[in-house]
Amino acid sequence: MSNTITTKDGVTIYYKDWGSGQPIVFSHGWPLSADDWDAQLLFFVNKGFRVIAHDRRGHGRSTQVADGHDMDHYADDLAALTAHLNLKNAFHVGHSTGGGEVTHYIGRHGESRVGKAVLISAVPPIMVKTPNNPDGLPKEVFDGLQATLAANRAQFYRDLPSGPFYGFNRPGAKVLEGVIQNWWRQGMMGSTKAHYDGIVAFSQTDFTEDLKKITVPTLVMHGDDDQIVPYANSGPLSAKLVKNGTLKTYKGFPHGMCTTQAETINADLLAFFRS
């Protein structure tokens, strides 16, 4: 059996589905793929969980369509996957843009299939500066990302993981060449159009109302040295907006801490899932 589903607008979504038992569904960050969860998938399948991770539309091995690169489609694609697999009481874990996807999925489709939620280095409530979000990043920052991507995506996808994504630009950081190359590999598998449009989706979507609808136990994990999604305007605010939220702050951890600090993150996830 092929591990793909076809959405109602004809997009093929690739997913991994390993093991049995309590399902954990992982939503990856921009511009990566399900492979970004390697350190979690292996750990949790070996702990007796069923692990599921999909490639977002236009990313990884899913169809490189021209449109639908917005949070509504991302949430609906996730809903289509959970319905196809008939998941019950699933634990949803989202990193970065994936945290937005999980939040919007619950806000848009409800909690009938959801047991717990985890937002890691996640983009909610909203990244861009607006009248309601005066501490956000100026829109010019995200326009600049789009311009850099359009000018030379291959170089941009080399520079981002080499520097701020994993904190490899910090003094004394242990730079992991394989991690940088794997980030580049995942990014280049995806569609430049999906990634270009995705910058708007992750930066301009306001998840405030979605967060208020979440009542399941929710763990918000964020590094205070996140150079991609600034800590003060994300994690603490999201944890306050959900009904049943716990904030866990990681001193000095970078945006990509699921990979570089997997041991710590996995242990804390396991404790939350077993609680």
Protein backbone atom coordinates (compact mmCIF):
# COMPACT_ATOMS: atom_id res chain seq x y z
CA MET A 1 0.00 0.00 0.00
CA SER A 2 1.32 3.40 -1.00
CA ASN A 3 1.60 5.88 1.84
CA THR A 4 -0.16 8.76 0.12
CA ILE A 5 -3.59 10.32 0.22
CA THR A 6 -5.22 12.53 -2.40
CA THR A 7 -6.94 15.65 -1.13
CA LYS A 8 -10.27 16.87 -2.47
CA ASP A 9 -8.44 19.36 -4.71
CA GLY A 10 -6.31 16.58 -6.20
CA VAL A 11 -3.05 17.00 -4.28
CA THR A 12 -1.09 13.87 -3.37
CA ILE A 13 0.18 14.07 0.21
CA TYR A 14 2.99 11.70 1.18
CA TYR A 15 3.17 10.42 4.75
CA LYS A 16 5.05 7.98 7.00
CA ASP A 17 3.05 5.77 9.35
CA TRP A 18 5.13 3.50 11.59
CA GLY A 19 4.26 1.32 14.55
CA SER A 20 1.02 0.86 16.45
CA GLY A 21 -0.49 2.12 19.68
CA GLN A 22 -1.13 5.72 20.69
CA PRO A 23 -0.80 7.88 17.54
CA ILE A 24 1.47 10.93 17.44
CA VAL A 25 1.14 13.14 14.36
CA PHE A 26 4.07 15.41 13.51
CA SER A 27 3.76 18.59 11.39
CA HIS A 28 7.09 19.88 10.06
CA GLY A 29 8.37 23.42 9.63
CA TRP A 30 9.02 25.52 6.53
CA PRO A 31 10.54 24.57 4.01
CA LEU A 32 11.32 21.03 5.19
CA SER A 33 9.62 17.62 5.13
CA ALA A 34 8.60 14.73 7.35
CA ASP A 35 12.31 13.79 7.42
CA ASP A 36 12.93 16.70 9.79
CA TRP A 37 11.30 14.55 12.50
CA ASP A 38 13.80 11.65 12.17
CA ALA A 39 15.05 12.03 15.75
CA GLN A 40 11.48 11.97 17.09
CA LEU A 41 10.00 9.28 14.82
CA LEU A 42 12.68 6.73 15.69
CA PHE A 43 12.58 7.53 19.40
CA PHE A 44 8.79 7.29 19.75
CA VAL A 45 8.23 4.25 17.52
CA ASN A 46 10.78 2.47 19.74
CA LYS A 47 8.76 3.55 22.81
CA GLY A 48 5.65 1.78 21.48
CA PHE A 49 3.88 4.72 19.87
CA ARG A 50 2.43 4.93 16.36
CA VAL A 51 4.20 7.81 14.60
CA ILE A 52 2.80 9.64 11.59
CA ALA A 53 4.46 12.49 9.68
CA HIS A 54 3.43 13.95 6.33
CA ASP A 55 5.09 16.18 3.76
CA ARG A 56 3.07 19.39 3.48
CA ARG A 57 1.72 20.15 -0.01
CA GLY A 58 4.54 21.46 -2.20
CA HIS A 59 7.14 20.10 0.25
CA GLY A 60 9.19 16.89 0.24
CA ARG A 61 7.51 14.10 -1.73
CA SER A 62 4.03 15.66 -1.92
CA THR A 63 2.70 17.21 -5.14
CA GLN A 64 4.29 20.48 -6.27
CA VAL A 65 1.03 22.27 -7.01
CA ALA A 66 0.83 25.97 -7.92
CA ASP A 67 -1.66 26.99 -5.26
CA GLY A 68 -3.16 26.23 -1.87
CA HIS A 69 -0.02 27.26 0.02
CA ASP A 70 -1.93 28.82 2.90
CA MET A 71 -2.96 27.81 6.41
CA ASP A 72 -6.52 26.86 5.43
CA HIS A 73 -5.24 24.28 2.94
CA TYR A 74 -2.50 23.09 5.31
CA ALA A 75 -5.08 22.52 8.06
CA ASP A 76 -7.51 20.82 5.66
CA ASP A 77 -4.76 18.53 4.33
CA LEU A 78 -3.96 17.50 7.91
CA ALA A 79 -7.66 16.91 8.58
CA ALA A 80 -7.87 14.76 5.44
CA LEU A 81 -4.92 12.68 6.67
CA THR A 82 -6.32 12.16 10.18
CA ALA A 83 -9.73 11.22 8.72
CA HIS A 84 -8.16 8.81 6.20
CA LEU A 85 -6.27 7.07 9.01
CA ASN A 86 -9.34 7.37 11.29
CA LEU A 87 -7.18 8.61 14.16
CA LYS A 88 -8.68 8.88 17.63
CA ASN A 89 -7.17 10.75 20.59
CA ALA A 90 -4.10 11.64 18.51
CA PHE A 91 -1.27 13.70 19.96
CA HIS A 92 -0.39 16.49 17.51
CA VAL A 93 3.12 17.96 17.51
CA GLY A 94 3.98 20.94 15.31
CA HIS A 95 7.34 22.64 14.83
CA SER A 96 7.54 26.25 13.62
CA THR A 97 5.10 26.58 10.67
CA GLY A 98 3.84 23.12 11.65
CA GLY A 99 2.82 24.60 14.99
CA GLY A 100 0.64 27.03 13.05
CA GLU A 101 -0.74 24.11 11.05
CA VAL A 102 -1.68 22.18 14.21
CA THR A 103 -3.24 25.28 15.80
CA HIS A 104 -5.30 26.10 12.70
CA TYR A 105 -6.28 22.44 12.23
CA ILE A 106 -7.78 22.36 15.74
CA GLY A 107 -9.33 25.82 15.35
CA ARG A 108 -10.90 24.88 12.00
CA HIS A 109 -11.74 21.19 12.48
CA GLY A 110 -12.25 20.86 16.23
CA GLU A 111 -10.81 18.47 18.81
CA SER A 112 -12.87 15.30 18.19
CA ARG A 113 -9.76 13.39 17.03
CA VAL A 114 -7.22 15.21 19.22
CA GLY A 115 -5.93 14.14 22.65
CA LYS A 116 -3.07 16.56 23.28
CA ALA A 117 -1.15 19.23 21.37
CA VAL A 118 2.47 20.38 21.37
CA LEU A 119 3.76 23.61 19.80
CA ILE A 120 7.54 23.67 19.39
CA SER A 121 9.33 26.90 18.34
CA ALA A 122 5.97 27.66 16.75
CA VAL A 123 4.82 30.70 14.76
CA PRO A 124 1.54 31.48 16.63
CA PRO A 125 -0.03 33.76 17.69
CA ILE A 126 1.23 35.94 14.75
CA MET A 127 4.71 36.84 13.57
CA VAL A 128 4.24 39.99 11.50
CA LYS A 129 3.89 43.44 13.06
CA THR A 130 0.29 44.73 12.93
CA PRO A 131 -1.70 47.33 14.90
CA ASN A 132 -2.82 44.46 17.20
CA ASN A 133 0.70 43.00 17.31
CA PRO A 134 3.03 45.99 17.71
CA ASP A 135 5.98 43.82 18.85
CA GLY A 136 5.89 41.68 15.70
CA LEU A 137 8.57 41.65 13.01
CA PRO A 138 8.14 44.24 10.24
CA LYS A 139 6.63 42.92 7.01
CA GLU A 140 9.86 44.01 5.26
CA VAL A 141 11.68 41.15 7.05
CA PHE A 142 9.46 38.58 5.34
CA ASP A 143 9.50 40.44 2.01
CA GLY A 144 13.29 40.16 2.27
CA LEU A 145 13.08 36.39 2.81
CA GLN A 146 10.95 36.08 -0.32
CA ALA A 147 13.39 38.21 -2.34
CA THR A 148 16.37 36.16 -1.11
CA LEU A 149 14.59 32.92 -1.98
CA ALA A 150 13.65 34.18 -5.45
CA ALA A 151 17.19 35.37 -6.16
CA ASN A 152 19.05 32.17 -5.18
CA ARG A 153 17.14 29.55 -3.27
CA ALA A 154 20.02 27.05 -3.19
CA GLN A 155 22.36 29.52 -1.48
CA PHE A 156 19.64 30.79 0.88
CA TYR A 157 18.97 27.18 1.97
CA ARG A 158 22.65 26.76 2.69
CA ASP A 159 22.97 29.98 4.71
CA LEU A 160 19.88 29.56 6.91
CA PRO A 161 20.81 26.23 8.56
CA SER A 162 24.51 27.19 8.67
CA GLY A 163 23.60 30.21 10.78
CA PRO A 164 20.47 31.21 12.69
CA PHE A 165 18.25 28.12 12.34
CA TYR A 166 20.36 25.91 14.61
CA GLY A 167 22.29 28.69 16.34
CA PHE A 168 25.46 27.61 14.52
CA ASN A 169 26.31 31.34 14.25
CA ARG A 170 26.67 31.60 18.04
CA PRO A 171 30.15 31.71 19.64
CA GLY A 172 31.35 28.24 20.60
CA ALA A 173 28.54 26.46 18.73
CA LYS A 174 29.35 22.94 17.58
CA VAL A 175 28.54 23.12 13.86
CA LEU A 176 27.11 19.87 12.48
CA GLU A 177 27.78 19.71 8.73
CA GLY A 178 25.45 16.74 8.17
CA VAL A 179 22.55 18.60 9.80
CA ILE A 180 23.15 21.60 7.50
CA GLN A 181 23.30 19.37 4.41
CA ASN A 182 20.16 17.49 5.46
CA TRP A 183 18.26 20.78 5.90
CA TRP A 184 19.44 21.84 2.41
CA ARG A 185 18.43 18.47 0.94
CA GLN A 186 14.93 18.66 2.40
CA GLY A 187 14.45 22.26 1.33
CA MET A 188 15.57 21.64 -2.25
CA MET A 189 13.19 18.66 -2.59
CA GLY A 190 10.25 21.04 -2.26
CA SER A 191 8.75 23.55 -4.64
CA THR A 192 10.11 27.08 -4.79
CA LYS A 193 6.53 28.33 -5.37
CA ALA A 194 5.23 26.56 -2.26
CA HIS A 195 8.08 27.93 -0.19
CA TYR A 196 7.70 31.47 -1.57
CA ASP A 197 3.98 31.52 -0.80
CA GLY A 198 4.55 29.73 2.51
CA ILE A 199 6.50 32.70 3.87
CA VAL A 200 3.28 34.74 3.72
CA ALA A 201 1.31 31.87 5.29
CA PHE A 202 3.58 31.45 8.30
CA SER A 203 4.21 35.16 8.92
CA GLN A 204 0.86 36.83 8.28
CA THR A 205 -1.70 34.32 9.59
CA ASP A 206 -3.21 35.39 12.90
CA PHE A 207 -3.79 32.28 15.04
CA THR A 208 -5.19 34.11 18.08
CA GLU A 209 -8.78 32.87 17.68
CA ASP A 210 -7.59 29.31 16.89
CA LEU A 211 -5.51 29.24 20.09
CA LYS A 212 -8.53 30.31 22.16
CA LYS A 213 -10.46 27.28 20.84
CA ILE A 214 -7.87 24.76 22.05
CA THR A 215 -8.95 23.04 25.28
CA VAL A 216 -6.88 19.82 25.16
CA PRO A 217 -3.68 19.74 27.27
CA THR A 218 -1.12 21.76 25.31
CA LEU A 219 2.63 21.94 25.81
CA VAL A 220 4.37 25.01 24.37
CA MET A 221 8.14 24.50 24.01
CA HIS A 222 10.38 27.37 22.94
CA GLY A 223 14.07 28.20 23.10
CA ASP A 224 14.86 31.67 24.40
CA ASP A 225 17.64 31.99 21.79
CA ASP A 226 15.31 31.29 18.85
CA GLN A 227 16.58 33.52 16.01
CA ILE A 228 13.80 32.54 13.60
CA VAL A 229 10.62 32.85 15.70
CA PRO A 230 11.49 35.32 18.48
CA TYR A 231 10.62 33.87 21.89
CA ALA A 232 8.88 36.78 23.67
CA ASN A 233 6.26 37.30 20.97
CA SER A 234 5.35 33.63 20.46
CA GLY A 235 5.66 30.86 23.05
CA PRO A 236 4.58 32.72 26.20
CA LEU A 237 1.65 34.38 24.40
CA SER A 238 0.40 31.10 22.88
CA ALA A 239 0.62 29.31 26.23
CA LYS A 240 -1.59 32.01 27.79
CA LEU A 241 -4.19 31.92 25.00
CA VAL A 242 -4.90 28.17 25.10
CA LYS A 243 -7.18 26.94 27.91
CA ASN A 244 -4.89 24.27 29.27
CA GLY A 245 -1.37 25.35 28.32
CA THR A 246 2.04 24.73 29.84
CA LEU A 247 5.05 26.78 28.73
CA LYS A 248 8.48 25.18 28.80
CA THR A 249 11.33 27.57 28.09
CA TYR A 250 14.76 26.27 27.01
CA LYS A 251 17.64 28.54 27.95
CA GLY A 252 19.97 29.11 25.00
CA PHE A 253 18.20 26.62 22.70
CA PRO A 254 17.84 27.51 18.99
CA HIS A 255 14.87 27.29 16.63
CA GLY A 256 15.85 23.84 15.35
CA MET A 257 16.15 22.31 18.83
CA CYS A 258 14.19 19.16 17.90
CA THR A 259 17.29 18.09 15.95
CA THR A 260 20.24 19.59 17.83
CA GLN A 261 18.79 19.04 21.33
CA ALA A 262 16.69 15.97 20.47
CA GLU A 263 17.56 14.12 23.68
CA THR A 264 16.13 16.89 25.89
CA ILE A 265 13.10 17.56 23.68
CA ASN A 266 12.22 13.85 23.33
CA ALA A 267 12.42 13.27 27.09
CA ASP A 268 10.10 16.21 27.76
CA LEU A 269 7.67 15.12 25.04
CA LEU A 270 7.59 11.60 26.47
CA ALA A 271 6.88 12.93 29.97
CA PHE A 272 4.03 15.07 28.62
CA PHE A 273 2.54 12.20 26.59
CA ARG A 274 2.63 9.89 29.62
CA SER A 275 1.21 12.46 32.04
